[in-house]
Amino acid sequence: MSHMRASALSQYSKTAVEAGIAGASPHRLIQMLMEGALDKIAIARGHLERGQMEQKTRHIGWALSIIGGLRASLNKEAGGEIAQNLDDLYDYMERRLTESNVSNDVAILDEVAGLLKTIKEAWDAIGETGVDNRAAG
């Protein structure tokens, strides 16, 4: 793919994401963040397997930023124990991703992706109508 074509595709993807964010509900935004973190972890895994360490580090960094955003969106006062448990789990994921980045351990990336998928499945099952946004994230 030519550079010009890749750039156009990248711009199109960015515009599509921005449009999706603009009209998204708080519930959908959390889903999008989780999807983004899972994508970044999967991409980092591929780069790690190919020995592309700079790209691996960049994608792990993006996943860490997204998980940090999920963590920051928690309302611990309103969300009580559930929000605190999510905060603890996000903290664990951040520490494990950092460890994976240092040790180049694919199994840790798989572990974090599995944990995040479990949270996302639960979040998806809640659905738009059943969301209590007090403990969002």
C-alpha atoms as a PDB file:
ATOM      1  CA  MET A   1       0.000   0.000   0.000  1.00  0.00           C
ATOM      2  CA  SER A   2       1.377   3.354  -0.936  1.00  0.00           C
ATOM      3  CA  HIS A   3       2.086   5.956   1.743  1.00  0.00           C
ATOM      4  CA  MET A   4      -0.598   8.255   0.323  1.00  0.00           C
ATOM      5  CA  ARG A   5      -3.194   5.487   0.382  1.00  0.00           C
ATOM      6  CA  ALA A   6      -2.235   4.423   3.919  1.00  0.00           C
ATOM      7  CA  SER A   7      -2.498   8.036   5.060  1.00  0.00           C
ATOM      8  CA  ALA A   8      -5.953   8.401   3.509  1.00  0.00           C
ATOM      9  CA  LEU A   9      -7.113   5.175   5.147  1.00  0.00           C
ATOM     10  CA  SER A  10      -5.747   6.338   8.490  1.00  0.00           C
ATOM     11  CA  GLN A  11      -7.546   9.681   8.171  1.00  0.00           C
ATOM     12  CA  TYR A  12     -10.798   7.936   7.230  1.00  0.00           C
ATOM     13  CA  SER A  13     -10.533   5.642  10.269  1.00  0.00           C
ATOM     14  CA  LYS A  14      -9.815   8.595  12.552  1.00  0.00           C
ATOM     15  CA  THR A  15     -12.820  10.500  11.189  1.00  0.00           C
ATOM     16  CA  ALA A  16     -15.083   7.459  11.614  1.00  0.00           C
ATOM     17  CA  VAL A  17     -13.983   7.037  15.232  1.00  0.00           C
ATOM     18  CA  GLU A  18     -14.481  10.729  15.964  1.00  0.00           C
ATOM     19  CA  ALA A  19     -17.976  10.589  14.457  1.00  0.00           C
ATOM     20  CA  GLY A  20     -18.767   7.524  16.563  1.00  0.00           C
ATOM     21  CA  ILE A  21     -17.592   9.267  19.716  1.00  0.00           C
ATOM     22  CA  ALA A  22     -19.601  12.425  19.016  1.00  0.00           C
ATOM     23  CA  GLY A  23     -22.921  10.606  19.010  1.00  0.00           C
ATOM     24  CA  ALA A  24     -22.157   7.881  21.544  1.00  0.00           C
ATOM     25  CA  SER A  25     -23.899   7.387  24.864  1.00  0.00           C
ATOM     26  CA  PRO A  26     -21.772   7.070  28.018  1.00  0.00           C
ATOM     27  CA  HIS A  27     -22.390   3.310  27.879  1.00  0.00           C
ATOM     28  CA  ARG A  28     -21.167   3.111  24.289  1.00  0.00           C
ATOM     29  CA  LEU A  29     -18.110   5.258  25.067  1.00  0.00           C
ATOM     30  CA  ILE A  30     -17.021   2.750  27.725  1.00  0.00           C
ATOM     31  CA  GLN A  31     -17.527  -0.066  25.208  1.00  0.00           C
ATOM     32  CA  MET A  32     -15.419   1.816  22.669  1.00  0.00           C
ATOM     33  CA  LEU A  33     -12.633   2.352  25.198  1.00  0.00           C
ATOM     34  CA  MET A  34     -12.605  -1.346  26.055  1.00  0.00           C
ATOM     35  CA  GLU A  35     -12.584  -2.276  22.362  1.00  0.00           C
ATOM     36  CA  GLY A  36      -9.718   0.140  21.775  1.00  0.00           C
ATOM     37  CA  ALA A  37      -7.664  -1.293  24.636  1.00  0.00           C
ATOM     38  CA  LEU A  38      -8.254  -4.837  23.382  1.00  0.00           C
ATOM     39  CA  ASP A  39      -7.207  -3.796  19.866  1.00  0.00           C
ATOM     40  CA  LYS A  40      -4.027  -2.136  21.152  1.00  0.00           C
ATOM     41  CA  ILE A  41      -3.127  -5.212  23.217  1.00  0.00           C
ATOM     42  CA  ALA A  42      -3.671  -7.493  20.207  1.00  0.00           C
ATOM     43  CA  ILE A  43      -1.545  -5.239  17.992  1.00  0.00           C
ATOM     44  CA  ALA A  44       1.183  -5.085  20.665  1.00  0.00           C
ATOM     45  CA  ARG A  45       1.117  -8.887  20.822  1.00  0.00           C
ATOM     46  CA  GLY A  46       1.675  -9.114  17.070  1.00  0.00           C
ATOM     47  CA  HIS A  47       4.547  -6.642  17.195  1.00  0.00           C
ATOM     48  CA  LEU A  48       6.123  -8.536  20.101  1.00  0.00           C
ATOM     49  CA  GLU A  49       5.899 -11.826  18.209  1.00  0.00           C
ATOM     50  CA  ARG A  50       7.594 -10.186  15.199  1.00  0.00           C
ATOM     51  CA  GLY A  51      10.308  -8.607  17.333  1.00  0.00           C
ATOM     52  CA  GLN A  52       9.121  -5.062  16.586  1.00  0.00           C
ATOM     53  CA  MET A  53       9.852  -3.688  20.029  1.00  0.00           C
ATOM     54  CA  GLU A  54       9.327   0.008  19.357  1.00  0.00           C
ATOM     55  CA  GLN A  55       5.840  -0.596  17.947  1.00  0.00           C
ATOM     56  CA  LYS A  56       5.065  -3.058  20.770  1.00  0.00           C
ATOM     57  CA  THR A  57       5.977  -0.454  23.350  1.00  0.00           C
ATOM     58  CA  ARG A  58       3.892   2.219  21.645  1.00  0.00           C
ATOM     59  CA  HIS A  59       0.766   0.019  21.534  1.00  0.00           C
ATOM     60  CA  ILE A  60       1.175  -1.134  25.124  1.00  0.00           C
ATOM     61  CA  GLY A  61       1.451   2.530  26.064  1.00  0.00           C
ATOM     62  CA  TRP A  62      -1.817   3.273  24.268  1.00  0.00           C
ATOM     63  CA  ALA A  63      -3.516   0.347  26.018  1.00  0.00           C
ATOM     64  CA  LEU A  64      -2.226   1.672  29.350  1.00  0.00           C
ATOM     65  CA  SER A  65      -3.631   5.120  28.556  1.00  0.00           C
ATOM     66  CA  ILE A  66      -7.020   3.691  27.660  1.00  0.00           C
ATOM     67  CA  ILE A  67      -7.183   1.555  30.802  1.00  0.00           C
ATOM     68  CA  GLY A  68      -6.159   4.628  32.770  1.00  0.00           C
ATOM     69  CA  GLY A  69      -9.098   6.452  31.185  1.00  0.00           C
ATOM     70  CA  LEU A  70     -11.464   3.652  32.140  1.00  0.00           C
ATOM     71  CA  ARG A  71     -10.111   3.778  35.663  1.00  0.00           C
ATOM     72  CA  ALA A  72     -10.503   7.552  35.858  1.00  0.00           C
ATOM     73  CA  SER A  73     -14.130   7.275  34.710  1.00  0.00           C
ATOM     74  CA  LEU A  74     -15.100   5.235  37.758  1.00  0.00           C
ATOM     75  CA  ASN A  75     -17.341   6.914  40.307  1.00  0.00           C
ATOM     76  CA  LYS A  76     -16.292   5.171  43.495  1.00  0.00           C
ATOM     77  CA  GLU A  77     -18.742   7.063  45.684  1.00  0.00           C
ATOM     78  CA  ALA A  78     -21.801   6.105  43.678  1.00  0.00           C
ATOM     79  CA  GLY A  79     -20.458   2.774  42.434  1.00  0.00           C
ATOM     80  CA  GLY A  80     -19.473   1.426  45.810  1.00  0.00           C
ATOM     81  CA  GLU A  81     -17.842  -1.981  45.963  1.00  0.00           C
ATOM     82  CA  ILE A  82     -18.246  -2.683  42.244  1.00  0.00           C
ATOM     83  CA  ALA A  83     -16.403   0.498  41.291  1.00  0.00           C
ATOM     84  CA  GLN A  84     -13.678  -0.236  43.858  1.00  0.00           C
ATOM     85  CA  ASN A  85     -13.258  -3.776  42.508  1.00  0.00           C
ATOM     86  CA  LEU A  86     -12.978  -2.423  38.961  1.00  0.00           C
ATOM     87  CA  ASP A  87     -10.422   0.146  40.128  1.00  0.00           C
ATOM     88  CA  ASP A  88      -8.352  -2.636  41.694  1.00  0.00           C
ATOM     89  CA  LEU A  89      -8.629  -4.740  38.540  1.00  0.00           C
ATOM     90  CA  TYR A  90      -7.645  -1.844  36.266  1.00  0.00           C
ATOM     91  CA  ASP A  91      -4.676  -1.154  38.552  1.00  0.00           C
ATOM     92  CA  TYR A  92      -3.642  -4.802  38.259  1.00  0.00           C
ATOM     93  CA  MET A  93      -3.969  -4.658  34.451  1.00  0.00           C
ATOM     94  CA  GLU A  94      -1.805  -1.541  34.306  1.00  0.00           C
ATOM     95  CA  ARG A  95       0.892  -3.204  36.395  1.00  0.00           C
ATOM     96  CA  ARG A  96       0.776  -6.388  34.312  1.00  0.00           C
ATOM     97  CA  LEU A  97       0.952  -4.496  31.001  1.00  0.00           C
ATOM     98  CA  THR A  98       3.979  -2.604  32.283  1.00  0.00           C
ATOM     99  CA  GLU A  99       5.550  -5.910  33.318  1.00  0.00           C
ATOM    100  CA  SER A 100       4.821  -7.401  29.895  1.00  0.00           C
ATOM    101  CA  ASN A 101       6.416  -4.416  28.216  1.00  0.00           C
ATOM    102  CA  VAL A 102       9.608  -4.895  30.240  1.00  0.00           C
ATOM    103  CA  SER A 103       9.743  -8.708  30.091  1.00  0.00           C
ATOM    104  CA  ASN A 104       8.334  -9.149  26.557  1.00  0.00           C
ATOM    105  CA  ASP A 105       5.947 -11.788  27.881  1.00  0.00           C
ATOM    106  CA  VAL A 106       3.093 -12.617  25.480  1.00  0.00           C
ATOM    107  CA  ALA A 107       1.284 -14.617  28.175  1.00  0.00           C
ATOM    108  CA  ILE A 108       0.830 -11.463  30.249  1.00  0.00           C
ATOM    109  CA  LEU A 109      -0.720  -9.662  27.285  1.00  0.00           C
ATOM    110  CA  ASP A 110      -3.097 -12.605  26.864  1.00  0.00           C
ATOM    111  CA  GLU A 111      -3.928 -12.516  30.579  1.00  0.00           C
ATOM    112  CA  VAL A 112      -4.799  -8.810  30.521  1.00  0.00           C
ATOM    113  CA  ALA A 113      -6.810  -9.196  27.312  1.00  0.00           C
ATOM    114  CA  GLY A 114      -8.757 -12.040  28.912  1.00  0.00           C
ATOM    115  CA  LEU A 115      -9.552  -9.971  31.994  1.00  0.00           C
ATOM    116  CA  LEU A 116     -10.627  -7.010  29.903  1.00  0.00           C
ATOM    117  CA  LYS A 117     -12.790  -9.230  27.655  1.00  0.00           C
ATOM    118  CA  THR A 118     -14.578 -10.562  30.738  1.00  0.00           C
ATOM    119  CA  ILE A 119     -15.329  -7.033  31.949  1.00  0.00           C
ATOM    120  CA  LYS A 120     -16.438  -6.004  28.458  1.00  0.00           C
ATOM    121  CA  GLU A 121     -18.770  -8.991  28.131  1.00  0.00           C
ATOM    122  CA  ALA A 122     -20.424  -8.050  31.421  1.00  0.00           C
ATOM    123  CA  TRP A 123     -20.661  -4.404  30.329  1.00  0.00           C
ATOM    124  CA  ASP A 124     -22.136  -5.453  26.964  1.00  0.00           C
ATOM    125  CA  ALA A 125     -24.689  -7.676  28.724  1.00  0.00           C
ATOM    126  CA  ILE A 126     -25.948  -4.744  30.792  1.00  0.00           C
ATOM    127  CA  GLY A 127     -27.164  -3.048  27.645  1.00  0.00           C
ATOM    128  CA  GLU A 128     -28.103   0.581  27.178  1.00  0.00           C
ATOM    129  CA  THR A 129     -31.330   0.405  29.163  1.00  0.00           C
ATOM    130  CA  GLY A 130     -29.899  -1.363  32.187  1.00  0.00           C
ATOM    131  CA  VAL A 131     -26.949   0.933  32.755  1.00  0.00           C
ATOM    132  CA  ASP A 132     -26.456   2.637  36.085  1.00  0.00           C
ATOM    133  CA  ASN A 133     -23.923   5.272  35.037  1.00  0.00           C
ATOM    134  CA  ARG A 134     -22.934   5.967  38.627  1.00  0.00           C
ATOM    135  CA  ALA A 135     -20.237   3.279  38.495  1.00  0.00           C
ATOM    136  CA  ALA A 136     -19.395   3.694  34.805  1.00  0.00           C
ATOM    137  CA  GLY A 137     -16.292   1.967  33.610  1.00  0.00           C
END
